[in-house]
Amino acid sequence: MITLYEYMQQPRFWIARDEDGYWLVPARDDGWSERSPFVGRVSNLRELKDLDGIKLGLPPQCPDDQELR
């Protein structure tokens, strides 16, 4: 399961949390392929409820990018 957060310190990037940890993900189509490990404060995160039509290209266990949880 992947949970996505808005990263308030760096707009147009989101934070994804999965079983492997936290990832910095560009908030654009196929951004998942350009993710990098996130090292920051989790207090600056706000959970996303809507991806604004962006298809991140999430892995197979999340077939629909709109399914955040």
PDB file of N, CA and C in Angstrom:
ATOM      1  N   MET A   1       0.829  -1.173   0.000  1.00  0.00           N
ATOM      2  CA  MET A   1       0.000   0.000   0.000  1.00  0.00           C
ATOM      3  C   MET A   1       0.885   1.251   0.000  1.00  0.00           C
ATOM      4  N   ILE A   2       0.563   2.191  -0.845  1.00  0.00           N
ATOM      5  CA  ILE A   2       1.317   3.439  -0.941  1.00  0.00           C
ATOM      6  C   ILE A   2       0.426   4.584  -0.487  1.00  0.00           C
ATOM      7  N   THR A   3       0.951   5.412   0.394  1.00  0.00           N
ATOM      8  CA  THR A   3       0.256   6.615   0.831  1.00  0.00           C
ATOM      9  C   THR A   3       1.031   7.801   0.300  1.00  0.00           C
ATOM     10  N   LEU A   4       0.336   8.777  -0.251  1.00  0.00           N
ATOM     11  CA  LEU A   4       0.984   9.954  -0.825  1.00  0.00           C
ATOM     12  C   LEU A   4       0.719  11.186   0.022  1.00  0.00           C
ATOM     13  N   TYR A   5       1.733  12.033   0.105  1.00  0.00           N
ATOM     14  CA  TYR A   5       1.658  13.258   0.893  1.00  0.00           C
ATOM     15  C   TYR A   5       2.150  14.432   0.054  1.00  0.00           C
ATOM     16  N   GLU A   6       1.578  15.588   0.323  1.00  0.00           N
ATOM     17  CA  GLU A   6       2.088  16.820  -0.276  1.00  0.00           C
ATOM     18  C   GLU A   6       3.263  17.273   0.578  1.00  0.00           C
ATOM     19  N   TYR A   7       4.335  17.641  -0.056  1.00  0.00           N
ATOM     20  CA  TYR A   7       5.531  18.095   0.670  1.00  0.00           C
ATOM     21  C   TYR A   7       5.522  19.611   0.656  1.00  0.00           C
ATOM     22  N   MET A   8       5.153  20.205   1.769  1.00  0.00           N
ATOM     23  CA  MET A   8       4.946  21.646   1.852  1.00  0.00           C
ATOM     24  C   MET A   8       6.242  22.449   1.670  1.00  0.00           C
ATOM     25  N   GLN A   9       7.383  21.854   1.934  1.00  0.00           N
ATOM     26  CA  GLN A   9       8.655  22.549   1.806  1.00  0.00           C
ATOM     27  C   GLN A   9       9.144  22.615   0.362  1.00  0.00           C
ATOM     28  N   GLN A  10       8.638  21.760  -0.493  1.00  0.00           N
ATOM     29  CA  GLN A  10       9.080  21.720  -1.888  1.00  0.00           C
ATOM     30  C   GLN A  10       7.869  21.423  -2.777  1.00  0.00           C
ATOM     31  N   PRO A  11       7.123  22.477  -3.169  1.00  0.00           N
ATOM     32  CA  PRO A  11       5.931  22.254  -3.987  1.00  0.00           C
ATOM     33  C   PRO A  11       6.258  21.567  -5.316  1.00  0.00           C
ATOM     34  N   ARG A  12       5.262  20.892  -5.818  1.00  0.00           N
ATOM     35  CA  ARG A  12       5.296  20.080  -7.037  1.00  0.00           C
ATOM     36  C   ARG A  12       6.125  18.811  -6.869  1.00  0.00           C
ATOM     37  N   PHE A  13       6.417  18.492  -5.638  1.00  0.00           N
ATOM     38  CA  PHE A  13       6.941  17.177  -5.297  1.00  0.00           C
ATOM     39  C   PHE A  13       6.015  16.591  -4.256  1.00  0.00           C
ATOM     40  N   TRP A  14       5.828  15.309  -4.321  1.00  0.00           N
ATOM     41  CA  TRP A  14       5.047  14.600  -3.318  1.00  0.00           C
ATOM     42  C   TRP A  14       5.951  13.608  -2.617  1.00  0.00           C
ATOM     43  N   ILE A  15       5.503  13.162  -1.473  1.00  0.00           N
ATOM     44  CA  ILE A  15       6.195  12.123  -0.718  1.00  0.00           C
ATOM     45  C   ILE A  15       5.316  10.886  -0.757  1.00  0.00           C
ATOM     46  N   ALA A  16       5.916   9.764  -1.096  1.00  0.00           N
ATOM     47  CA  ALA A  16       5.208   8.480  -1.095  1.00  0.00           C
ATOM     48  C   ALA A  16       5.781   7.633   0.037  1.00  0.00           C
ATOM     49  N   ARG A  17       4.893   6.982   0.778  1.00  0.00           N
ATOM     50  CA  ARG A  17       5.332   6.058   1.817  1.00  0.00           C
ATOM     51  C   ARG A  17       4.849   4.675   1.445  1.00  0.00           C
ATOM     52  N   ASP A  18       5.787   3.734   1.393  1.00  0.00           N
ATOM     53  CA  ASP A  18       5.442   2.337   1.161  1.00  0.00           C
ATOM     54  C   ASP A  18       6.189   1.479   2.169  1.00  0.00           C
ATOM     55  N   GLU A  19       6.183   0.173   1.973  1.00  0.00           N
ATOM     56  CA  GLU A  19       6.831  -0.723   2.931  1.00  0.00           C
ATOM     57  C   GLU A  19       8.347  -0.551   2.972  1.00  0.00           C
ATOM     58  N   ASP A  20       8.927   0.102   1.958  1.00  0.00           N
ATOM     59  CA  ASP A  20      10.370   0.321   1.930  1.00  0.00           C
ATOM     60  C   ASP A  20      10.802   1.662   2.520  1.00  0.00           C
ATOM     61  N   GLY A  21       9.843   2.542   2.823  1.00  0.00           N
ATOM     62  CA  GLY A  21      10.192   3.825   3.415  1.00  0.00           C
ATOM     63  C   GLY A  21       9.503   4.987   2.720  1.00  0.00           C
ATOM     64  N   TYR A  22      10.183   6.129   2.710  1.00  0.00           N
ATOM     65  CA  TYR A  22       9.646   7.357   2.141  1.00  0.00           C
ATOM     66  C   TYR A  22      10.423   7.739   0.880  1.00  0.00           C
ATOM     67  N   TRP A  23       9.692   8.257  -0.132  1.00  0.00           N
ATOM     68  CA  TRP A  23      10.271   8.608  -1.419  1.00  0.00           C
ATOM     69  C   TRP A  23       9.864  10.022  -1.813  1.00  0.00           C
ATOM     70  N   LEU A  24      10.769  10.771  -2.390  1.00  0.00           N
ATOM     71  CA  LEU A  24      10.480  12.069  -2.979  1.00  0.00           C
ATOM     72  C   LEU A  24      10.112  11.818  -4.434  1.00  0.00           C
ATOM     73  N   VAL A  25       8.895  12.223  -4.824  1.00  0.00           N
ATOM     74  CA  VAL A  25       8.365  11.892  -6.148  1.00  0.00           C
ATOM     75  C   VAL A  25       7.939  13.181  -6.865  1.00  0.00           C
ATOM     76  N   PRO A  26       8.459  13.444  -8.056  1.00  0.00           N
ATOM     77  CA  PRO A  26       7.980  14.608  -8.806  1.00  0.00           C
ATOM     78  C   PRO A  26       6.475  14.472  -9.069  1.00  0.00           C
ATOM     79  N   ALA A  27       5.722  15.527  -8.834  1.00  0.00           N
ATOM     80  CA  ALA A  27       4.266  15.511  -8.997  1.00  0.00           C
ATOM     81  C   ALA A  27       3.907  15.754 -10.456  1.00  0.00           C
ATOM     82  N   ARG A  28       4.190  14.747 -11.280  1.00  0.00           N
ATOM     83  CA  ARG A  28       3.872  14.812 -12.715  1.00  0.00           C
ATOM     84  C   ARG A  28       3.698  13.385 -13.243  1.00  0.00           C
ATOM     85  N   ASP A  29       3.155  13.273 -14.427  1.00  0.00           N
ATOM     86  CA  ASP A  29       2.971  11.945 -15.026  1.00  0.00           C
ATOM     87  C   ASP A  29       4.296  11.187 -15.038  1.00  0.00           C
ATOM     88  N   ASP A  30       4.246   9.920 -14.657  1.00  0.00           N
ATOM     89  CA  ASP A  30       5.413   9.020 -14.565  1.00  0.00           C
ATOM     90  C   ASP A  30       6.479   9.482 -13.574  1.00  0.00           C
ATOM     91  N   GLY A  31       6.105  10.321 -12.632  1.00  0.00           N
ATOM     92  CA  GLY A  31       7.046  10.787 -11.613  1.00  0.00           C
ATOM     93  C   GLY A  31       7.626   9.670 -10.761  1.00  0.00           C
ATOM     94  N   TRP A  32       6.874   8.564 -10.628  1.00  0.00           N
ATOM     95  CA  TRP A  32       7.353   7.443  -9.809  1.00  0.00           C
ATOM     96  C   TRP A  32       8.698   6.923 -10.307  1.00  0.00           C
ATOM     97  N   SER A  33       8.918   6.943 -11.605  1.00  0.00           N
ATOM     98  CA  SER A  33      10.171   6.428 -12.163  1.00  0.00           C
ATOM     99  C   SER A  33      11.358   7.331 -11.835  1.00  0.00           C
ATOM    100  N   GLU A  34      11.092   8.555 -11.385  1.00  0.00           N
ATOM    101  CA  GLU A  34      12.173   9.486 -11.029  1.00  0.00           C
ATOM    102  C   GLU A  34      12.275   9.714  -9.523  1.00  0.00           C
ATOM    103  N   ARG A  35      11.644   8.854  -8.736  1.00  0.00           N
ATOM    104  CA  ARG A  35      11.655   9.022  -7.280  1.00  0.00           C
ATOM    105  C   ARG A  35      13.059   8.850  -6.714  1.00  0.00           C
ATOM    106  N   SER A  36      13.268   9.446  -5.546  1.00  0.00           N
ATOM    107  CA  SER A  36      14.531   9.284  -4.831  1.00  0.00           C
ATOM    108  C   SER A  36      14.205   9.175  -3.344  1.00  0.00           C
ATOM    109  N   PRO A  37      15.110   8.603  -2.546  1.00  0.00           N
ATOM    110  CA  PRO A  37      14.834   8.477  -1.112  1.00  0.00           C
ATOM    111  C   PRO A  37      14.566   9.853  -0.493  1.00  0.00           C
ATOM    112  N   PHE A  38      13.574   9.914   0.377  1.00  0.00           N
ATOM    113  CA  PHE A  38      13.221  11.157   1.058  1.00  0.00           C
ATOM    114  C   PHE A  38      13.940  11.219   2.396  1.00  0.00           C
ATOM    115  N   VAL A  39      14.647  12.294   2.614  1.00  0.00           N
ATOM    116  CA  VAL A  39      15.268  12.560   3.910  1.00  0.00           C
ATOM    117  C   VAL A  39      14.811  13.959   4.336  1.00  0.00           C
ATOM    118  N   GLY A  40      13.876  13.988   5.245  1.00  0.00           N
ATOM    119  CA  GLY A  40      13.311  15.250   5.705  1.00  0.00           C
ATOM    120  C   GLY A  40      12.457  15.010   6.924  1.00  0.00           C
ATOM    121  N   ARG A  41      11.763  16.043   7.331  1.00  0.00           N
ATOM    122  CA  ARG A  41      10.909  15.952   8.513  1.00  0.00           C
ATOM    123  C   ARG A  41       9.500  15.579   8.087  1.00  0.00           C
ATOM    124  N   VAL A  42       8.972  14.537   8.670  1.00  0.00           N
ATOM    125  CA  VAL A  42       7.624  14.122   8.327  1.00  0.00           C
ATOM    126  C   VAL A  42       6.567  15.065   8.888  1.00  0.00           C
ATOM    127  N   SER A  43       6.935  15.972   9.753  1.00  0.00           N
ATOM    128  CA  SER A  43       5.970  16.949  10.275  1.00  0.00           C
ATOM    129  C   SER A  43       5.551  17.942   9.196  1.00  0.00           C
ATOM    130  N   ASN A  44       6.269  18.009   8.089  1.00  0.00           N
ATOM    131  CA  ASN A  44       5.941  18.923   6.998  1.00  0.00           C
ATOM    132  C   ASN A  44       5.092  18.256   5.918  1.00  0.00           C
ATOM    133  N   LEU A  45       4.464  17.147   6.227  1.00  0.00           N
ATOM    134  CA  LEU A  45       3.698  16.397   5.235  1.00  0.00           C
ATOM    135  C   LEU A  45       2.197  16.525   5.490  1.00  0.00           C
ATOM    136  N   ARG A  46       1.435  16.584   4.395  1.00  0.00           N
ATOM    137  CA  ARG A  46      -0.023  16.593   4.465  1.00  0.00           C
ATOM    138  C   ARG A  46      -0.529  15.554   3.472  1.00  0.00           C
ATOM    139  N   GLU A  47      -1.355  14.613   3.941  1.00  0.00           N
ATOM    140  CA  GLU A  47      -1.824  13.525   3.086  1.00  0.00           C
ATOM    141  C   GLU A  47      -2.636  14.062   1.911  1.00  0.00           C
ATOM    142  N   LEU A  48      -2.362  13.506   0.728  1.00  0.00           N
ATOM    143  CA  LEU A  48      -3.091  13.889  -0.483  1.00  0.00           C
ATOM    144  C   LEU A  48      -4.406  13.136  -0.554  1.00  0.00           C
ATOM    145  N   LYS A  49      -5.427  13.820  -0.998  1.00  0.00           N
ATOM    146  CA  LYS A  49      -6.729  13.198  -1.220  1.00  0.00           C
ATOM    147  C   LYS A  49      -7.056  13.131  -2.706  1.00  0.00           C
ATOM    148  N   ASP A  50      -6.358  13.920  -3.536  1.00  0.00           N
ATOM    149  CA  ASP A  50      -6.642  14.007  -4.967  1.00  0.00           C
ATOM    150  C   ASP A  50      -5.329  14.244  -5.709  1.00  0.00           C
ATOM    151  N   LEU A  51      -5.128  13.521  -6.799  1.00  0.00           N
ATOM    152  CA  LEU A  51      -3.896  13.664  -7.577  1.00  0.00           C
ATOM    153  C   LEU A  51      -4.032  14.632  -8.741  1.00  0.00           C
ATOM    154  N   ASP A  52      -5.148  15.340  -8.833  1.00  0.00           N
ATOM    155  CA  ASP A  52      -5.367  16.324  -9.901  1.00  0.00           C
ATOM    156  C   ASP A  52      -5.162  15.740 -11.297  1.00  0.00           C
ATOM    157  N   GLY A  53      -5.534  14.487 -11.492  1.00  0.00           N
ATOM    158  CA  GLY A  53      -5.425  13.857 -12.804  1.00  0.00           C
ATOM    159  C   GLY A  53      -4.041  13.379 -13.185  1.00  0.00           C
ATOM    160  N   ILE A  54      -3.074  13.494 -12.297  1.00  0.00           N
ATOM    161  CA  ILE A  54      -1.706  13.064 -12.586  1.00  0.00           C
ATOM    162  C   ILE A  54      -1.605  11.546 -12.444  1.00  0.00           C
ATOM    163  N   LYS A  55      -1.009  10.916 -13.420  1.00  0.00           N
ATOM    164  CA  LYS A  55      -0.752   9.469 -13.395  1.00  0.00           C
ATOM    165  C   LYS A  55       0.719   9.260 -13.052  1.00  0.00           C
ATOM    166  N   LEU A  56       0.996   8.974 -11.798  1.00  0.00           N
ATOM    167  CA  LEU A  56       2.381   8.849 -11.333  1.00  0.00           C
ATOM    168  C   LEU A  56       3.111   7.646 -11.909  1.00  0.00           C
ATOM    169  N   GLY A  57       2.388   6.635 -12.360  1.00  0.00           N
ATOM    170  CA  GLY A  57       3.045   5.420 -12.834  1.00  0.00           C
ATOM    171  C   GLY A  57       3.418   4.531 -11.668  1.00  0.00           C
ATOM    172  N   LEU A  58       2.496   4.396 -10.712  1.00  0.00           N
ATOM    173  CA  LEU A  58       2.749   3.585  -9.521  1.00  0.00           C
ATOM    174  C   LEU A  58       2.959   2.123  -9.876  1.00  0.00           C
ATOM    175  N   PRO A  59       3.629   1.370  -9.008  1.00  0.00           N
ATOM    176  CA  PRO A  59       3.916  -0.046  -9.284  1.00  0.00           C
ATOM    177  C   PRO A  59       2.632  -0.876  -9.385  1.00  0.00           C
ATOM    178  N   PRO A  60       2.733  -2.111  -9.902  1.00  0.00           N
ATOM    179  CA  PRO A  60       1.576  -2.963 -10.163  1.00  0.00           C
ATOM    180  C   PRO A  60       0.628  -3.176  -8.984  1.00  0.00           C
ATOM    181  N   GLN A  61       1.112  -3.161  -7.753  1.00  0.00           N
ATOM    182  CA  GLN A  61       0.210  -3.383  -6.624  1.00  0.00           C
ATOM    183  C   GLN A  61      -0.756  -2.215  -6.424  1.00  0.00           C
ATOM    184  N   CYS A  62      -0.555  -1.111  -7.133  1.00  0.00           N
ATOM    185  CA  CYS A  62      -1.458   0.035  -7.126  1.00  0.00           C
ATOM    186  C   CYS A  62      -1.866   0.317  -8.572  1.00  0.00           C
ATOM    187  N   PRO A  63      -2.735  -0.525  -9.138  1.00  0.00           N
ATOM    188  CA  PRO A  63      -3.039  -0.384 -10.559  1.00  0.00           C
ATOM    189  C   PRO A  63      -3.672   0.934 -10.942  1.00  0.00           C
ATOM    190  N   ASP A  64      -4.372   1.593 -10.038  1.00  0.00           N
ATOM    191  CA  ASP A  64      -5.037   2.860 -10.344  1.00  0.00           C
ATOM    192  C   ASP A  64      -4.371   3.961  -9.531  1.00  0.00           C
ATOM    193  N   ASP A  65      -3.735   4.910 -10.188  1.00  0.00           N
ATOM    194  CA  ASP A  65      -3.066   6.000  -9.472  1.00  0.00           C
ATOM    195  C   ASP A  65      -4.011   6.783  -8.588  1.00  0.00           C
ATOM    196  N   GLN A  66      -5.300   6.719  -8.839  1.00  0.00           N
ATOM    197  CA  GLN A  66      -6.264   7.425  -7.994  1.00  0.00           C
ATOM    198  C   GLN A  66      -6.514   6.672  -6.680  1.00  0.00           C
ATOM    199  N   GLU A  67      -6.141   5.408  -6.620  1.00  0.00           N
ATOM    200  CA  GLU A  67      -6.330   4.627  -5.402  1.00  0.00           C
ATOM    201  C   GLU A  67      -5.123   4.873  -4.488  1.00  0.00           C
ATOM    202  N   LEU A  68      -5.270   5.804  -3.564  1.00  0.00           N
ATOM    203  CA  LEU A  68      -4.140   6.191  -2.724  1.00  0.00           C
ATOM    204  C   LEU A  68      -3.952   5.268  -1.524  1.00  0.00           C
ATOM    205  N   ARG A  69      -4.989   4.594  -1.091  1.00  0.00           N
ATOM    206  CA  ARG A  69      -4.846   3.727   0.076  1.00  0.00           C
ATOM    207  C   ARG A  69      -5.487   2.395  -0.182  1.00  0.00           C
TER     208      ARG A  69
END
